[in-house]
Amino acid sequence: MSEEKVEKTKRKKLTKFAQMLLNIILIISIGVACFSGYMLYKGKKEYHEAEKSYGTLREQSYELTEKGRVIDWKSLWEVSEYVVAWISLDDSTIDYPIVHYTDNDYYLRRLLDGTWNNSGTVFVDAENSKGFIDKNTVIYGHHMLEAPYMFADVEKYKDQEFYNNHKVIDLYTPDKKYVIYPIAGVFETGTGDYIKYTFSGEKDFLDYVNSFVERSTFVSEEKVEAGDKIVILSTCEYNVHTVDGRYALLGKLVEDTSWRSN
């Protein structure tokens, strides 16, 4: 065989190989695109299902009065015996029941009735005591990337204007109503050491609060004193930290003694 024919044969083989490689890349690309599309569809479908479920709960579980929500706790306990509170923030999407379970994993990807859903349920940290009696109670909620549900609006406290218009968060329990006054909001990471439940004394507690205030994204008109209790609302944050970002809102927990449940 002449050298010219050998070269032509080589070129044909290379052309076939290149074409085959391009076909493989194309198939993989189509597969990735289809999978991404499916995951996007699945995610949006889950968001819709979650909000439909919570919307039904809102309709069935409380009556909105001039003084706030009158909650039917029995109906909530029929869905989950672990319901301990209800949190709401006017002019926002935050209006959800809160559970307190034996671990922090179960309700991370389940709705109130236990149905698997990435939207999850708002829950109190398993390390906390029952009844919001700890010096610091930590509450977690997802920040859904594709929809402004769950605790997505918590991150809006990164702007002073949002705080100026949202200075009170309501927290209902079966026998009490509390008001959460936002004190400070900070950017953190999931691996950051920003959660603390107990304190060695008044100074340790106030130093902890000040560590938030000094880094806060807004300035609050409220102050925390040594005898106060606090709550931290923690959610995911996607703008500053792309992997495990968190936005943590620290608030002062005050009982509303003028409120009485039915």
C-alpha atoms as a PDB file:
ATOM      1  CA  MET A   1       0.000   0.000   0.000  1.00  0.00           C
ATOM      2  CA  SER A   2       1.358   3.415  -0.962  1.00  0.00           C
ATOM      3  CA  GLU A   3       2.135   6.052   1.637  1.00  0.00           C
ATOM      4  CA  GLU A   4      -0.664   8.222   0.202  1.00  0.00           C
ATOM      5  CA  LYS A   5      -3.259   5.482   0.745  1.00  0.00           C
ATOM      6  CA  VAL A   6      -1.937   4.882   4.259  1.00  0.00           C
ATOM      7  CA  GLU A   7      -2.373   8.569   5.056  1.00  0.00           C
ATOM      8  CA  LYS A   8      -5.899   8.583   3.653  1.00  0.00           C
ATOM      9  CA  THR A   9      -6.787   5.537   5.747  1.00  0.00           C
ATOM     10  CA  LYS A  10      -5.393   7.218   8.870  1.00  0.00           C
ATOM     11  CA  ARG A  11      -7.359  10.391   8.161  1.00  0.00           C
ATOM     12  CA  LYS A  12     -10.558   8.388   7.677  1.00  0.00           C
ATOM     13  CA  LYS A  13     -10.023   6.584  10.986  1.00  0.00           C
ATOM     14  CA  LEU A  14      -9.311   9.875  12.758  1.00  0.00           C
ATOM     15  CA  THR A  15     -12.417  11.439  11.207  1.00  0.00           C
ATOM     16  CA  LYS A  16     -14.577   8.510  12.319  1.00  0.00           C
ATOM     17  CA  PHE A  17     -13.075   8.656  15.824  1.00  0.00           C
ATOM     18  CA  ALA A  18     -13.630  12.403  16.047  1.00  0.00           C
ATOM     19  CA  GLN A  19     -17.215  12.017  14.885  1.00  0.00           C
ATOM     20  CA  MET A  20     -17.825   9.209  17.379  1.00  0.00           C
ATOM     21  CA  LEU A  21     -16.322  11.366  20.156  1.00  0.00           C
ATOM     22  CA  LEU A  22     -18.544  14.296  19.206  1.00  0.00           C
ATOM     23  CA  ASN A  23     -21.590  12.010  19.234  1.00  0.00           C
ATOM     24  CA  ILE A  24     -20.683  10.767  22.726  1.00  0.00           C
ATOM     25  CA  ILE A  25     -20.232  14.339  23.972  1.00  0.00           C
ATOM     26  CA  LEU A  26     -23.565  15.307  22.410  1.00  0.00           C
ATOM     27  CA  ILE A  27     -25.357  12.377  24.045  1.00  0.00           C
ATOM     28  CA  ILE A  28     -23.819  13.209  27.431  1.00  0.00           C
ATOM     29  CA  SER A  29     -24.780  16.881  27.046  1.00  0.00           C
ATOM     30  CA  ILE A  30     -28.356  15.978  26.168  1.00  0.00           C
ATOM     31  CA  GLY A  31     -28.455  13.608  29.142  1.00  0.00           C
ATOM     32  CA  VAL A  32     -27.173  16.292  31.517  1.00  0.00           C
ATOM     33  CA  ALA A  33     -29.655  18.818  30.130  1.00  0.00           C
ATOM     34  CA  CYS A  34     -32.535  16.348  30.512  1.00  0.00           C
ATOM     35  CA  PHE A  35     -31.480  15.475  34.065  1.00  0.00           C
ATOM     36  CA  SER A  36     -31.129  19.155  34.988  1.00  0.00           C
ATOM     37  CA  GLY A  37     -34.542  19.866  33.499  1.00  0.00           C
ATOM     38  CA  TYR A  38     -36.057  16.987  35.414  1.00  0.00           C
ATOM     39  CA  MET A  39     -34.493  18.116  38.688  1.00  0.00           C
ATOM     40  CA  LEU A  40     -35.750  21.665  38.098  1.00  0.00           C
ATOM     41  CA  TYR A  41     -39.233  20.347  37.371  1.00  0.00           C
ATOM     42  CA  LYS A  42     -39.084  18.046  40.394  1.00  0.00           C
ATOM     43  CA  GLY A  43     -37.935  20.901  42.617  1.00  0.00           C
ATOM     44  CA  LYS A  44     -40.689  23.253  41.473  1.00  0.00           C
ATOM     45  CA  LYS A  45     -43.243  20.479  41.822  1.00  0.00           C
ATOM     46  CA  GLU A  46     -42.098  19.873  45.406  1.00  0.00           C
ATOM     47  CA  TYR A  47     -42.276  23.595  46.197  1.00  0.00           C
ATOM     48  CA  HIS A  48     -45.812  23.699  44.852  1.00  0.00           C
ATOM     49  CA  GLU A  49     -46.829  20.617  46.812  1.00  0.00           C
ATOM     50  CA  ALA A  50     -45.265  21.992  49.995  1.00  0.00           C
ATOM     51  CA  GLU A  51     -46.976  25.366  49.775  1.00  0.00           C
ATOM     52  CA  LYS A  52     -50.284  23.695  48.923  1.00  0.00           C
ATOM     53  CA  SER A  53     -49.894  21.543  52.050  1.00  0.00           C
ATOM     54  CA  TYR A  54     -48.992  24.486  54.279  1.00  0.00           C
ATOM     55  CA  GLY A  55     -51.717  26.603  52.701  1.00  0.00           C
ATOM     56  CA  THR A  56     -54.261  23.969  53.696  1.00  0.00           C
ATOM     57  CA  LEU A  57     -52.819  23.927  57.217  1.00  0.00           C
ATOM     58  CA  ARG A  58     -53.227  27.683  57.481  1.00  0.00           C
ATOM     59  CA  GLU A  59     -56.849  27.468  56.400  1.00  0.00           C
ATOM     60  CA  GLN A  60     -57.639  24.686  58.842  1.00  0.00           C
ATOM     61  CA  SER A  61     -55.452  25.510  61.831  1.00  0.00           C
ATOM     62  CA  TYR A  62     -56.027  29.127  62.782  1.00  0.00           C
ATOM     63  CA  GLU A  63     -58.366  32.063  62.706  1.00  0.00           C
ATOM     64  CA  LEU A  64     -56.906  35.508  62.134  1.00  0.00           C
ATOM     65  CA  THR A  65     -58.262  38.078  64.608  1.00  0.00           C
ATOM     66  CA  GLU A  66     -57.407  41.663  65.477  1.00  0.00           C
ATOM     67  CA  LYS A  67     -55.027  40.422  68.190  1.00  0.00           C
ATOM     68  CA  GLY A  68     -53.388  37.816  65.992  1.00  0.00           C
ATOM     69  CA  ARG A  69     -53.793  34.116  65.307  1.00  0.00           C
ATOM     70  CA  VAL A  70     -56.100  31.904  67.323  1.00  0.00           C
ATOM     71  CA  ILE A  71     -54.637  28.484  66.624  1.00  0.00           C
ATOM     72  CA  ASP A  72     -56.365  25.116  66.714  1.00  0.00           C
ATOM     73  CA  TRP A  73     -53.541  23.125  68.261  1.00  0.00           C
ATOM     74  CA  LYS A  74     -55.536  19.896  68.368  1.00  0.00           C
ATOM     75  CA  SER A  75     -55.904  19.894  64.601  1.00  0.00           C
ATOM     76  CA  LEU A  76     -52.158  20.468  64.228  1.00  0.00           C
ATOM     77  CA  TRP A  77     -51.332  17.673  66.661  1.00  0.00           C
ATOM     78  CA  GLU A  78     -53.485  15.337  64.571  1.00  0.00           C
ATOM     79  CA  VAL A  79     -51.004  15.967  61.743  1.00  0.00           C
ATOM     80  CA  SER A  80     -47.890  15.844  63.943  1.00  0.00           C
ATOM     81  CA  GLU A  81     -47.575  15.407  67.681  1.00  0.00           C
ATOM     82  CA  TYR A  82     -44.277  17.302  67.518  1.00  0.00           C
ATOM     83  CA  VAL A  83     -45.793  20.722  66.776  1.00  0.00           C
ATOM     84  CA  VAL A  84     -44.721  23.175  69.498  1.00  0.00           C
ATOM     85  CA  ALA A  85     -45.292  26.624  68.013  1.00  0.00           C
ATOM     86  CA  TRP A  86     -46.384  28.758  65.089  1.00  0.00           C
ATOM     87  CA  ILE A  87     -44.258  31.584  63.677  1.00  0.00           C
ATOM     88  CA  SER A  88     -45.485  34.465  61.534  1.00  0.00           C
ATOM     89  CA  LEU A  89     -44.098  37.695  60.136  1.00  0.00           C
ATOM     90  CA  ASP A  90     -46.529  40.213  58.666  1.00  0.00           C
ATOM     91  CA  ASP A  91     -46.090  41.169  55.023  1.00  0.00           C
ATOM     92  CA  SER A  92     -43.895  38.143  54.329  1.00  0.00           C
ATOM     93  CA  THR A  93     -44.139  34.458  53.410  1.00  0.00           C
ATOM     94  CA  ILE A  94     -43.205  33.368  56.951  1.00  0.00           C
ATOM     95  CA  ASP A  95     -46.335  31.755  58.389  1.00  0.00           C
ATOM     96  CA  TYR A  96     -45.572  28.201  59.494  1.00  0.00           C
ATOM     97  CA  PRO A  97     -45.942  25.642  62.265  1.00  0.00           C
ATOM     98  CA  ILE A  98     -42.770  24.727  64.158  1.00  0.00           C
ATOM     99  CA  VAL A  99     -41.860  21.226  65.303  1.00  0.00           C
ATOM    100  CA  HIS A 100     -39.404  19.982  67.922  1.00  0.00           C
ATOM    101  CA  TYR A 101     -38.160  16.481  67.182  1.00  0.00           C
ATOM    102  CA  THR A 102     -35.532  14.177  68.677  1.00  0.00           C
ATOM    103  CA  ASP A 103     -32.995  14.977  65.919  1.00  0.00           C
ATOM    104  CA  ASN A 104     -32.328  17.656  63.312  1.00  0.00           C
ATOM    105  CA  ASP A 105     -32.524  15.353  60.291  1.00  0.00           C
ATOM    106  CA  TYR A 106     -36.064  13.998  60.127  1.00  0.00           C
ATOM    107  CA  TYR A 107     -37.936  17.221  59.351  1.00  0.00           C
ATOM    108  CA  LEU A 108     -35.131  18.624  57.238  1.00  0.00           C
ATOM    109  CA  ARG A 109     -36.668  16.933  54.186  1.00  0.00           C
ATOM    110  CA  ARG A 110     -40.207  16.156  55.356  1.00  0.00           C
ATOM    111  CA  LEU A 111     -43.447  18.086  55.553  1.00  0.00           C
ATOM    112  CA  LEU A 112     -45.407  18.282  58.780  1.00  0.00           C
ATOM    113  CA  ASP A 113     -47.213  15.005  58.081  1.00  0.00           C
ATOM    114  CA  GLY A 114     -43.958  13.169  57.367  1.00  0.00           C
ATOM    115  CA  THR A 115     -44.248  13.286  53.561  1.00  0.00           C
ATOM    116  CA  TRP A 116     -40.820  13.427  51.904  1.00  0.00           C
ATOM    117  CA  ASN A 117     -40.274  16.913  50.460  1.00  0.00           C
ATOM    118  CA  ASN A 118     -37.115  19.016  50.183  1.00  0.00           C
ATOM    119  CA  SER A 119     -38.976  22.072  51.487  1.00  0.00           C
ATOM    120  CA  GLY A 120     -38.980  20.440  54.909  1.00  0.00           C
ATOM    121  CA  THR A 121     -40.581  21.860  58.039  1.00  0.00           C
ATOM    122  CA  VAL A 122     -39.490  24.680  60.330  1.00  0.00           C
ATOM    123  CA  PHE A 123     -37.994  23.064  63.446  1.00  0.00           C
ATOM    124  CA  VAL A 124     -36.399  23.837  66.806  1.00  0.00           C
ATOM    125  CA  ASP A 125     -32.887  22.506  67.329  1.00  0.00           C
ATOM    126  CA  ALA A 126     -32.994  19.091  68.987  1.00  0.00           C
ATOM    127  CA  GLU A 127     -30.411  20.294  71.526  1.00  0.00           C
ATOM    128  CA  ASN A 128     -32.878  22.821  72.921  1.00  0.00           C
ATOM    129  CA  SER A 129     -35.184  22.154  75.850  1.00  0.00           C
ATOM    130  CA  LYS A 130     -38.942  22.057  75.364  1.00  0.00           C
ATOM    131  CA  GLY A 131     -41.021  25.160  75.757  1.00  0.00           C
ATOM    132  CA  PHE A 132     -38.612  27.979  74.783  1.00  0.00           C
ATOM    133  CA  ILE A 133     -37.162  28.027  78.285  1.00  0.00           C
ATOM    134  CA  ASP A 134     -33.486  28.071  77.249  1.00  0.00           C
ATOM    135  CA  LYS A 135     -31.442  31.224  77.208  1.00  0.00           C
ATOM    136  CA  ASN A 136     -31.101  30.746  73.447  1.00  0.00           C
ATOM    137  CA  THR A 137     -33.522  28.757  71.279  1.00  0.00           C
ATOM    138  CA  VAL A 138     -32.451  27.991  67.706  1.00  0.00           C
ATOM    139  CA  ILE A 139     -35.022  27.585  64.926  1.00  0.00           C
ATOM    140  CA  TYR A 140     -34.129  26.328  61.441  1.00  0.00           C
ATOM    141  CA  GLY A 141     -35.956  26.756  58.152  1.00  0.00           C
ATOM    142  CA  HIS A 142     -34.951  26.276  54.529  1.00  0.00           C
ATOM    143  CA  HIS A 143     -34.314  29.127  52.144  1.00  0.00           C
ATOM    144  CA  MET A 144     -35.762  27.642  48.967  1.00  0.00           C
ATOM    145  CA  LEU A 145     -33.573  28.760  46.055  1.00  0.00           C
ATOM    146  CA  GLU A 146     -36.316  28.535  43.432  1.00  0.00           C
ATOM    147  CA  ALA A 147     -39.185  29.928  45.505  1.00  0.00           C
ATOM    148  CA  PRO A 148     -39.545  32.498  48.325  1.00  0.00           C
ATOM    149  CA  TYR A 149     -40.931  30.064  50.897  1.00  0.00           C
ATOM    150  CA  MET A 150     -40.086  28.807  54.382  1.00  0.00           C
ATOM    151  CA  PHE A 151     -37.356  31.056  55.863  1.00  0.00           C
ATOM    152  CA  ALA A 152     -36.367  32.789  52.618  1.00  0.00           C
ATOM    153  CA  ASP A 153     -37.586  36.130  53.960  1.00  0.00           C
ATOM    154  CA  VAL A 154     -35.313  35.850  57.008  1.00  0.00           C
ATOM    155  CA  GLU A 155     -32.373  36.720  54.782  1.00  0.00           C
ATOM    156  CA  LYS A 156     -34.100  39.952  53.749  1.00  0.00           C
ATOM    157  CA  TYR A 157     -32.962  41.362  57.085  1.00  0.00           C
ATOM    158  CA  LYS A 158     -29.614  41.897  55.376  1.00  0.00           C
ATOM    159  CA  ASP A 159     -31.176  45.204  54.276  1.00  0.00           C
ATOM    160  CA  GLN A 160     -31.860  47.964  56.802  1.00  0.00           C
ATOM    161  CA  GLU A 161     -35.080  48.940  55.056  1.00  0.00           C
ATOM    162  CA  PHE A 162     -36.549  45.477  55.546  1.00  0.00           C
ATOM    163  CA  TYR A 163     -35.836  45.657  59.262  1.00  0.00           C
ATOM    164  CA  ASN A 164     -37.367  49.138  59.412  1.00  0.00           C
ATOM    165  CA  ASN A 165     -40.638  47.662  58.144  1.00  0.00           C
ATOM    166  CA  HIS A 166     -40.486  44.326  60.006  1.00  0.00           C
ATOM    167  CA  LYS A 167     -39.563  44.976  63.632  1.00  0.00           C
ATOM    168  CA  VAL A 168     -41.811  42.326  65.182  1.00  0.00           C
ATOM    169  CA  ILE A 169     -42.076  38.568  64.586  1.00  0.00           C
ATOM    170  CA  ASP A 170     -44.923  36.688  66.273  1.00  0.00           C
ATOM    171  CA  LEU A 171     -44.387  33.312  67.925  1.00  0.00           C
ATOM    172  CA  TYR A 172     -47.362  31.359  69.290  1.00  0.00           C
ATOM    173  CA  THR A 173     -47.241  28.339  71.596  1.00  0.00           C
ATOM    174  CA  PRO A 174     -50.186  26.349  72.980  1.00  0.00           C
ATOM    175  CA  ASP A 175     -50.319  28.478  76.132  1.00  0.00           C
ATOM    176  CA  LYS A 176     -48.451  31.686  75.321  1.00  0.00           C
ATOM    177  CA  LYS A 177     -47.692  34.252  72.686  1.00  0.00           C
ATOM    178  CA  TYR A 178     -44.214  35.708  72.287  1.00  0.00           C
ATOM    179  CA  VAL A 179     -42.819  38.585  70.304  1.00  0.00           C
ATOM    180  CA  ILE A 180     -39.407  38.265  68.693  1.00  0.00           C
ATOM    181  CA  TYR A 181     -37.677  41.612  68.318  1.00  0.00           C
ATOM    182  CA  PRO A 182     -34.905  41.354  65.682  1.00  0.00           C
ATOM    183  CA  ILE A 183     -31.590  42.457  67.178  1.00  0.00           C
ATOM    184  CA  ALA A 184     -28.949  41.473  64.634  1.00  0.00           C
ATOM    185  CA  GLY A 185     -28.487  39.493  61.437  1.00  0.00           C
ATOM    186  CA  VAL A 186     -25.169  38.016  60.307  1.00  0.00           C
ATOM    187  CA  PHE A 187     -23.694  36.005  57.462  1.00  0.00           C
ATOM    188  CA  GLU A 188     -22.274  32.688  58.606  1.00  0.00           C
ATOM    189  CA  THR A 189     -21.395  29.233  57.312  1.00  0.00           C
ATOM    190  CA  GLY A 190     -22.900  25.881  58.147  1.00  0.00           C
ATOM    191  CA  THR A 191     -19.599  24.818  59.668  1.00  0.00           C
ATOM    192  CA  GLY A 192     -19.205  28.072  61.570  1.00  0.00           C
ATOM    193  CA  ASP A 193     -19.380  28.065  65.353  1.00  0.00           C
ATOM    194  CA  TYR A 194     -22.274  30.509  65.641  1.00  0.00           C
ATOM    195  CA  ILE A 195     -24.738  28.387  67.625  1.00  0.00           C
ATOM    196  CA  LYS A 196     -24.587  28.392  71.411  1.00  0.00           C
ATOM    197  CA  TYR A 197     -27.296  27.094  73.756  1.00  0.00           C
ATOM    198  CA  THR A 198     -25.927  27.669  77.250  1.00  0.00           C
ATOM    199  CA  PHE A 199     -23.718  30.302  78.825  1.00  0.00           C
ATOM    200  CA  SER A 200     -21.342  30.398  81.782  1.00  0.00           C
ATOM    201  CA  GLY A 201     -22.745  33.680  83.041  1.00  0.00           C
ATOM    202  CA  GLU A 202     -24.139  37.097  82.158  1.00  0.00           C
ATOM    203  CA  LYS A 203     -20.912  38.295  80.541  1.00  0.00           C
ATOM    204  CA  ASP A 204     -20.661  35.194  78.377  1.00  0.00           C
ATOM    205  CA  PHE A 205     -24.253  35.694  77.244  1.00  0.00           C
ATOM    206  CA  LEU A 206     -23.877  39.405  76.459  1.00  0.00           C
ATOM    207  CA  ASP A 207     -20.554  38.812  74.685  1.00  0.00           C
ATOM    208  CA  TYR A 208     -22.312  36.263  72.499  1.00  0.00           C
ATOM    209  CA  VAL A 209     -25.098  38.723  71.640  1.00  0.00           C
ATOM    210  CA  ASN A 210     -22.566  41.485  70.948  1.00  0.00           C
ATOM    211  CA  SER A 211     -20.658  39.202  68.569  1.00  0.00           C
ATOM    212  CA  PHE A 212     -23.782  39.304  66.412  1.00  0.00           C
ATOM    213  CA  VAL A 213     -24.524  43.007  66.894  1.00  0.00           C
ATOM    214  CA  GLU A 214     -21.000  44.005  65.872  1.00  0.00           C
ATOM    215  CA  ARG A 215     -21.380  42.201  62.527  1.00  0.00           C
ATOM    216  CA  SER A 216     -25.059  42.867  61.928  1.00  0.00           C
ATOM    217  CA  THR A 217     -26.375  43.792  58.500  1.00  0.00           C
ATOM    218  CA  PHE A 218     -28.870  46.187  60.108  1.00  0.00           C
ATOM    219  CA  VAL A 219     -29.087  48.385  63.182  1.00  0.00           C
ATOM    220  CA  SER A 220     -31.884  47.512  65.615  1.00  0.00           C
ATOM    221  CA  GLU A 221     -33.635  49.909  67.942  1.00  0.00           C
ATOM    222  CA  GLU A 222     -33.898  47.104  70.522  1.00  0.00           C
ATOM    223  CA  LYS A 223     -31.277  46.007  73.045  1.00  0.00           C
ATOM    224  CA  VAL A 224     -30.645  42.749  74.875  1.00  0.00           C
ATOM    225  CA  GLU A 225     -30.019  42.747  78.609  1.00  0.00           C
ATOM    226  CA  ALA A 226     -28.526  40.029  80.790  1.00  0.00           C
ATOM    227  CA  GLY A 227     -31.893  38.739  81.944  1.00  0.00           C
ATOM    228  CA  ASP A 228     -33.377  38.395  78.457  1.00  0.00           C
ATOM    229  CA  LYS A 229     -33.878  35.290  76.342  1.00  0.00           C
ATOM    230  CA  ILE A 230     -33.002  35.159  72.670  1.00  0.00           C
ATOM    231  CA  VAL A 231     -33.987  33.216  69.565  1.00  0.00           C
ATOM    232  CA  ILE A 232     -31.914  32.567  66.457  1.00  0.00           C
ATOM    233  CA  LEU A 233     -33.647  31.992  63.121  1.00  0.00           C
ATOM    234  CA  SER A 234     -31.154  30.259  60.845  1.00  0.00           C
ATOM    235  CA  THR A 235     -31.493  29.689  57.107  1.00  0.00           C
ATOM    236  CA  CYS A 236     -29.362  29.085  54.011  1.00  0.00           C
ATOM    237  CA  GLU A 237     -27.731  32.004  52.210  1.00  0.00           C
ATOM    238  CA  TYR A 238     -26.566  31.851  48.584  1.00  0.00           C
ATOM    239  CA  ASN A 239     -25.049  35.230  47.775  1.00  0.00           C
ATOM    240  CA  VAL A 240     -21.964  35.474  49.969  1.00  0.00           C
ATOM    241  CA  HIS A 241     -21.165  31.805  50.606  1.00  0.00           C
ATOM    242  CA  THR A 242     -21.872  29.568  47.634  1.00  0.00           C
ATOM    243  CA  VAL A 243     -21.407  26.219  49.397  1.00  0.00           C
ATOM    244  CA  ASP A 244     -22.722  26.272  52.950  1.00  0.00           C
ATOM    245  CA  GLY A 245     -23.713  29.885  53.539  1.00  0.00           C
ATOM    246  CA  ARG A 246     -26.087  30.775  56.358  1.00  0.00           C
ATOM    247  CA  TYR A 247     -27.930  33.877  57.460  1.00  0.00           C
ATOM    248  CA  ALA A 248     -28.638  33.934  61.180  1.00  0.00           C
ATOM    249  CA  LEU A 249     -31.141  36.375  62.660  1.00  0.00           C
ATOM    250  CA  LEU A 250     -30.839  36.912  66.413  1.00  0.00           C
ATOM    251  CA  GLY A 251     -33.925  38.231  68.164  1.00  0.00           C
ATOM    252  CA  LYS A 252     -35.014  39.040  71.713  1.00  0.00           C
ATOM    253  CA  LEU A 253     -37.818  36.771  72.946  1.00  0.00           C
ATOM    254  CA  VAL A 254     -40.466  38.591  74.989  1.00  0.00           C
ATOM    255  CA  GLU A 255     -43.767  37.161  76.232  1.00  0.00           C
ATOM    256  CA  ASP A 256     -46.824  39.129  75.160  1.00  0.00           C
ATOM    257  CA  THR A 257     -48.706  39.151  78.479  1.00  0.00           C
ATOM    258  CA  SER A 258     -51.686  40.997  76.960  1.00  0.00           C
ATOM    259  CA  TRP A 259     -52.507  37.991  74.771  1.00  0.00           C
ATOM    260  CA  ARG A 260     -54.615  35.070  75.886  1.00  0.00           C
ATOM    261  CA  SER A 261     -55.400  31.936  73.902  1.00  0.00           C
ATOM    262  CA  ASN A 262     -58.985  30.720  73.593  1.00  0.00           C
END
